[in-house]
Amino acid sequence: MTATEKNAFRWRKVASTFQVLTIAWQWIIVFVFWGFCAAKFLPQVGFVWQFGLIWAHTWPYVAVLINFFMTDSRLRLRDFWHSWFLGSIYCYVNYYYTSISTEPVYPFLGWESIPISLIKFICTTIFGTICMVFTGYVQECCMGRRFKDSW
């Protein structure tokens, strides 16, 4: 294996890891926004803010999935733990911000009851992981590969 091939292999591994992180993150963001926040925030703001919120919470998701499905990418399913790592970081940042601010980041997550809030975060992370695995399954089927080979 030449030095160029080794570098390409290393880069593919890094790119694959970041792609798994990005897809899991986008599924989580879309789920939190559309599942919990859109109904509360969108009616209260004007059209420009509505458009901006919808754009900011939906366009990155669409762009990531278009990029994923238009390239010969693979989700390495053994890296599903990345979504759990991101969920843990997000949970900590949200808790920290809510504890120093006068109001929570998200209205459904006030951290009054830490066990209930942790359950909400775990459910959100589980949803992101399931959707990431489903996305990988669809990609493998589209490319004509067996799903179990992506592990």
C-alpha atoms as a PDB file:
ATOM      1  CA  MET A   1       0.000   0.000   0.000  1.00  0.00           C
ATOM      2  CA  THR A   2       1.455   3.347  -1.035  1.00  0.00           C
ATOM      3  CA  ALA A   3       1.562   6.418   1.189  1.00  0.00           C
ATOM      4  CA  THR A   4      -1.238   8.001  -0.863  1.00  0.00           C
ATOM      5  CA  GLU A   5      -3.450   4.944  -0.417  1.00  0.00           C
ATOM      6  CA  LYS A   6      -2.747   4.913   3.346  1.00  0.00           C
ATOM      7  CA  ASN A   7      -3.677   8.590   3.608  1.00  0.00           C
ATOM      8  CA  ALA A   8      -6.838   7.983   1.579  1.00  0.00           C
ATOM      9  CA  PHE A   9      -7.762   5.075   3.857  1.00  0.00           C
ATOM     10  CA  ARG A  10      -7.181   7.163   6.994  1.00  0.00           C
ATOM     11  CA  TRP A  11      -9.183  10.038   5.553  1.00  0.00           C
ATOM     12  CA  ARG A  12     -12.046   7.724   4.610  1.00  0.00           C
ATOM     13  CA  LYS A  13     -12.196   6.467   8.198  1.00  0.00           C
ATOM     14  CA  VAL A  14     -12.276  10.021   9.583  1.00  0.00           C
ATOM     15  CA  ALA A  15     -14.841  11.105   6.987  1.00  0.00           C
ATOM     16  CA  SER A  16     -16.996   8.081   7.771  1.00  0.00           C
ATOM     17  CA  THR A  17     -16.881   8.846  11.494  1.00  0.00           C
ATOM     18  CA  PHE A  18     -17.891  12.451  10.948  1.00  0.00           C
ATOM     19  CA  GLN A  19     -20.640  11.388   8.591  1.00  0.00           C
ATOM     20  CA  VAL A  20     -22.104   9.083  11.248  1.00  0.00           C
ATOM     21  CA  LEU A  21     -21.922  11.938  13.756  1.00  0.00           C
ATOM     22  CA  THR A  22     -23.565  14.367  11.356  1.00  0.00           C
ATOM     23  CA  ILE A  23     -26.421  12.074  10.384  1.00  0.00           C
ATOM     24  CA  ALA A  24     -27.188  11.152  13.999  1.00  0.00           C
ATOM     25  CA  TRP A  25     -26.993  14.816  15.035  1.00  0.00           C
ATOM     26  CA  GLN A  26     -29.301  15.964  12.258  1.00  0.00           C
ATOM     27  CA  TRP A  27     -31.883  13.308  13.110  1.00  0.00           C
ATOM     28  CA  ILE A  28     -31.800  14.426  16.758  1.00  0.00           C
ATOM     29  CA  ILE A  29     -32.121  18.129  15.860  1.00  0.00           C
ATOM     30  CA  VAL A  30     -35.018  17.517  13.490  1.00  0.00           C
ATOM     31  CA  PHE A  31     -36.764  15.326  16.073  1.00  0.00           C
ATOM     32  CA  VAL A  32     -36.371  17.863  18.905  1.00  0.00           C
ATOM     33  CA  PHE A  33     -37.401  20.832  16.770  1.00  0.00           C
ATOM     34  CA  TRP A  34     -40.403  19.318  15.001  1.00  0.00           C
ATOM     35  CA  GLY A  35     -41.464  17.094  17.872  1.00  0.00           C
ATOM     36  CA  PHE A  36     -41.253  19.546  20.741  1.00  0.00           C
ATOM     37  CA  CYS A  37     -40.407  23.099  19.729  1.00  0.00           C
ATOM     38  CA  ALA A  38     -42.068  24.015  16.426  1.00  0.00           C
ATOM     39  CA  ALA A  39     -45.627  24.036  17.759  1.00  0.00           C
ATOM     40  CA  LYS A  40     -44.649  26.414  20.560  1.00  0.00           C
ATOM     41  CA  PHE A  41     -42.216  28.739  18.765  1.00  0.00           C
ATOM     42  CA  LEU A  42     -43.596  29.072  15.240  1.00  0.00           C
ATOM     43  CA  PRO A  43     -47.034  30.575  16.045  1.00  0.00           C
ATOM     44  CA  GLN A  44     -45.430  33.247  18.270  1.00  0.00           C
ATOM     45  CA  VAL A  45     -43.092  34.765  15.682  1.00  0.00           C
ATOM     46  CA  GLY A  46     -43.542  36.531  12.361  1.00  0.00           C
ATOM     47  CA  PHE A  47     -43.156  34.983   8.923  1.00  0.00           C
ATOM     48  CA  VAL A  48     -39.467  35.868   8.567  1.00  0.00           C
ATOM     49  CA  TRP A  49     -38.608  34.174  11.861  1.00  0.00           C
ATOM     50  CA  GLN A  50     -40.816  31.199  11.007  1.00  0.00           C
ATOM     51  CA  PHE A  51     -39.017  30.777   7.700  1.00  0.00           C
ATOM     52  CA  GLY A  52     -35.636  31.182   9.397  1.00  0.00           C
ATOM     53  CA  LEU A  53     -36.409  28.629  12.098  1.00  0.00           C
ATOM     54  CA  ILE A  54     -37.748  26.123   9.601  1.00  0.00           C
ATOM     55  CA  TRP A  55     -34.752  26.707   7.313  1.00  0.00           C
ATOM     56  CA  ALA A  56     -32.181  26.401  10.119  1.00  0.00           C
ATOM     57  CA  HIS A  57     -33.680  23.202  11.509  1.00  0.00           C
ATOM     58  CA  THR A  58     -34.534  21.448   8.256  1.00  0.00           C
ATOM     59  CA  TRP A  59     -32.109  22.467   5.485  1.00  0.00           C
ATOM     60  CA  PRO A  60     -28.938  21.004   7.120  1.00  0.00           C
ATOM     61  CA  TYR A  61     -30.806  17.708   7.534  1.00  0.00           C
ATOM     62  CA  VAL A  62     -31.864  17.697   3.879  1.00  0.00           C
ATOM     63  CA  ALA A  63     -28.356  18.644   2.701  1.00  0.00           C
ATOM     64  CA  VAL A  64     -26.689  15.934   4.800  1.00  0.00           C
ATOM     65  CA  LEU A  65     -29.033  13.223   3.545  1.00  0.00           C
ATOM     66  CA  ILE A  66     -28.719  14.323  -0.103  1.00  0.00           C
ATOM     67  CA  ASN A  67     -24.939  14.246   0.244  1.00  0.00           C
ATOM     68  CA  PHE A  68     -25.062  10.849   1.911  1.00  0.00           C
ATOM     69  CA  PHE A  69     -27.336   9.226  -0.649  1.00  0.00           C
ATOM     70  CA  MET A  70     -25.607  10.781  -3.684  1.00  0.00           C
ATOM     71  CA  THR A  71     -22.176   9.433  -2.722  1.00  0.00           C
ATOM     72  CA  ASP A  72     -21.010   5.895  -2.202  1.00  0.00           C
ATOM     73  CA  SER A  73     -20.859   6.377   1.535  1.00  0.00           C
ATOM     74  CA  ARG A  74     -21.307   3.829   4.239  1.00  0.00           C
ATOM     75  CA  LEU A  75     -22.540   4.217   7.736  1.00  0.00           C
ATOM     76  CA  ARG A  76     -20.420   1.983   9.866  1.00  0.00           C
ATOM     77  CA  LEU A  77     -23.094   0.677  12.161  1.00  0.00           C
ATOM     78  CA  ARG A  78     -20.554  -0.328  14.783  1.00  0.00           C
ATOM     79  CA  ASP A  79     -20.086   3.414  15.342  1.00  0.00           C
ATOM     80  CA  PHE A  80     -23.666   3.952  16.506  1.00  0.00           C
ATOM     81  CA  TRP A  81     -22.249   4.949  19.888  1.00  0.00           C
ATOM     82  CA  HIS A  82     -21.296   8.311  18.381  1.00  0.00           C
ATOM     83  CA  SER A  83     -24.916   9.416  18.614  1.00  0.00           C
ATOM     84  CA  TRP A  84     -24.845   8.543  22.313  1.00  0.00           C
ATOM     85  CA  PHE A  85     -21.657  10.560  22.744  1.00  0.00           C
ATOM     86  CA  LEU A  86     -23.265  13.565  21.026  1.00  0.00           C
ATOM     87  CA  GLY A  87     -26.409  13.163  23.103  1.00  0.00           C
ATOM     88  CA  SER A  88     -24.338  13.203  26.308  1.00  0.00           C
ATOM     89  CA  ILE A  89     -22.508  16.378  25.300  1.00  0.00           C
ATOM     90  CA  TYR A  90     -25.766  18.029  24.278  1.00  0.00           C
ATOM     91  CA  CYS A  91     -27.383  16.987  27.556  1.00  0.00           C
ATOM     92  CA  TYR A  92     -24.554  18.521  29.586  1.00  0.00           C
ATOM     93  CA  VAL A  93     -24.506  21.781  27.595  1.00  0.00           C
ATOM     94  CA  ASN A  94     -28.288  22.090  27.855  1.00  0.00           C
ATOM     95  CA  TYR A  95     -28.259  21.443  31.597  1.00  0.00           C
ATOM     96  CA  TYR A  96     -25.415  23.905  32.158  1.00  0.00           C
ATOM     97  CA  TYR A  97     -27.053  26.644  30.101  1.00  0.00           C
ATOM     98  CA  THR A  98     -30.415  26.130  31.795  1.00  0.00           C
ATOM     99  CA  SER A  99     -28.804  26.269  35.248  1.00  0.00           C
ATOM    100  CA  ILE A 100     -27.091  29.637  34.562  1.00  0.00           C
ATOM    101  CA  SER A 101     -29.969  31.156  32.584  1.00  0.00           C
ATOM    102  CA  THR A 102     -33.336  32.350  33.801  1.00  0.00           C
ATOM    103  CA  GLU A 103     -35.240  30.099  31.397  1.00  0.00           C
ATOM    104  CA  PRO A 104     -34.527  26.726  29.757  1.00  0.00           C
ATOM    105  CA  VAL A 105     -33.231  26.364  26.226  1.00  0.00           C
ATOM    106  CA  TYR A 106     -36.263  24.284  25.321  1.00  0.00           C
ATOM    107  CA  PRO A 107     -39.626  24.730  27.027  1.00  0.00           C
ATOM    108  CA  PHE A 108     -40.203  20.977  27.313  1.00  0.00           C
ATOM    109  CA  LEU A 109     -36.882  20.504  29.126  1.00  0.00           C
ATOM    110  CA  GLY A 110     -36.782  22.666  32.222  1.00  0.00           C
ATOM    111  CA  TRP A 111     -34.606  20.375  34.371  1.00  0.00           C
ATOM    112  CA  GLU A 112     -36.987  20.690  37.334  1.00  0.00           C
ATOM    113  CA  SER A 113     -36.845  16.909  37.631  1.00  0.00           C
ATOM    114  CA  ILE A 114     -33.448  15.608  36.560  1.00  0.00           C
ATOM    115  CA  PRO A 115     -34.532  11.936  36.152  1.00  0.00           C
ATOM    116  CA  ILE A 116     -37.472  12.916  33.885  1.00  0.00           C
ATOM    117  CA  SER A 117     -35.247  15.231  31.837  1.00  0.00           C
ATOM    118  CA  LEU A 118     -32.618  12.499  31.461  1.00  0.00           C
ATOM    119  CA  ILE A 119     -35.306  10.094  30.245  1.00  0.00           C
ATOM    120  CA  LYS A 120     -36.319  12.682  27.624  1.00  0.00           C
ATOM    121  CA  PHE A 121     -32.707  12.961  26.471  1.00  0.00           C
ATOM    122  CA  ILE A 122     -32.295   9.197  26.354  1.00  0.00           C
ATOM    123  CA  CYS A 123     -35.471   8.867  24.257  1.00  0.00           C
ATOM    124  CA  THR A 124     -34.216  11.554  21.871  1.00  0.00           C
ATOM    125  CA  THR A 125     -30.837   9.825  21.526  1.00  0.00           C
ATOM    126  CA  ILE A 126     -32.500   6.441  20.974  1.00  0.00           C
ATOM    127  CA  PHE A 127     -34.608   8.013  18.220  1.00  0.00           C
ATOM    128  CA  GLY A 128     -31.477   9.477  16.588  1.00  0.00           C
ATOM    129  CA  THR A 129     -29.720   6.108  16.735  1.00  0.00           C
ATOM    130  CA  ILE A 130     -32.677   4.218  15.268  1.00  0.00           C
ATOM    131  CA  CYS A 131     -33.013   6.725  12.441  1.00  0.00           C
ATOM    132  CA  MET A 132     -29.259   6.563  11.777  1.00  0.00           C
ATOM    133  CA  VAL A 133     -29.442   2.763  11.498  1.00  0.00           C
ATOM    134  CA  PHE A 134     -32.496   3.041   9.218  1.00  0.00           C
ATOM    135  CA  THR A 135     -30.631   5.542   7.012  1.00  0.00           C
ATOM    136  CA  GLY A 136     -27.723   3.102   6.769  1.00  0.00           C
ATOM    137  CA  TYR A 137     -30.115   0.296   5.873  1.00  0.00           C
ATOM    138  CA  VAL A 138     -31.692   2.316   3.064  1.00  0.00           C
ATOM    139  CA  GLN A 139     -28.238   3.252   1.725  1.00  0.00           C
ATOM    140  CA  GLU A 140     -27.042  -0.343   1.735  1.00  0.00           C
ATOM    141  CA  CYS A 141     -30.205  -1.480  -0.082  1.00  0.00           C
ATOM    142  CA  CYS A 142     -29.816   1.307  -2.678  1.00  0.00           C
ATOM    143  CA  MET A 143     -26.206   0.286  -3.323  1.00  0.00           C
ATOM    144  CA  GLY A 144     -27.110  -3.408  -3.571  1.00  0.00           C
ATOM    145  CA  ARG A 145     -25.054  -4.416  -0.535  1.00  0.00           C
ATOM    146  CA  ARG A 146     -26.065  -6.621   2.365  1.00  0.00           C
ATOM    147  CA  PHE A 147     -26.947  -4.708   5.505  1.00  0.00           C
ATOM    148  CA  LYS A 148     -25.018  -6.981   7.848  1.00  0.00           C
ATOM    149  CA  ASP A 149     -21.803  -6.250   5.933  1.00  0.00           C
ATOM    150  CA  SER A 150     -21.890  -2.633   7.066  1.00  0.00           C
ATOM    151  CA  TRP A 151     -21.146  -3.624  10.645  1.00  0.00           C
END
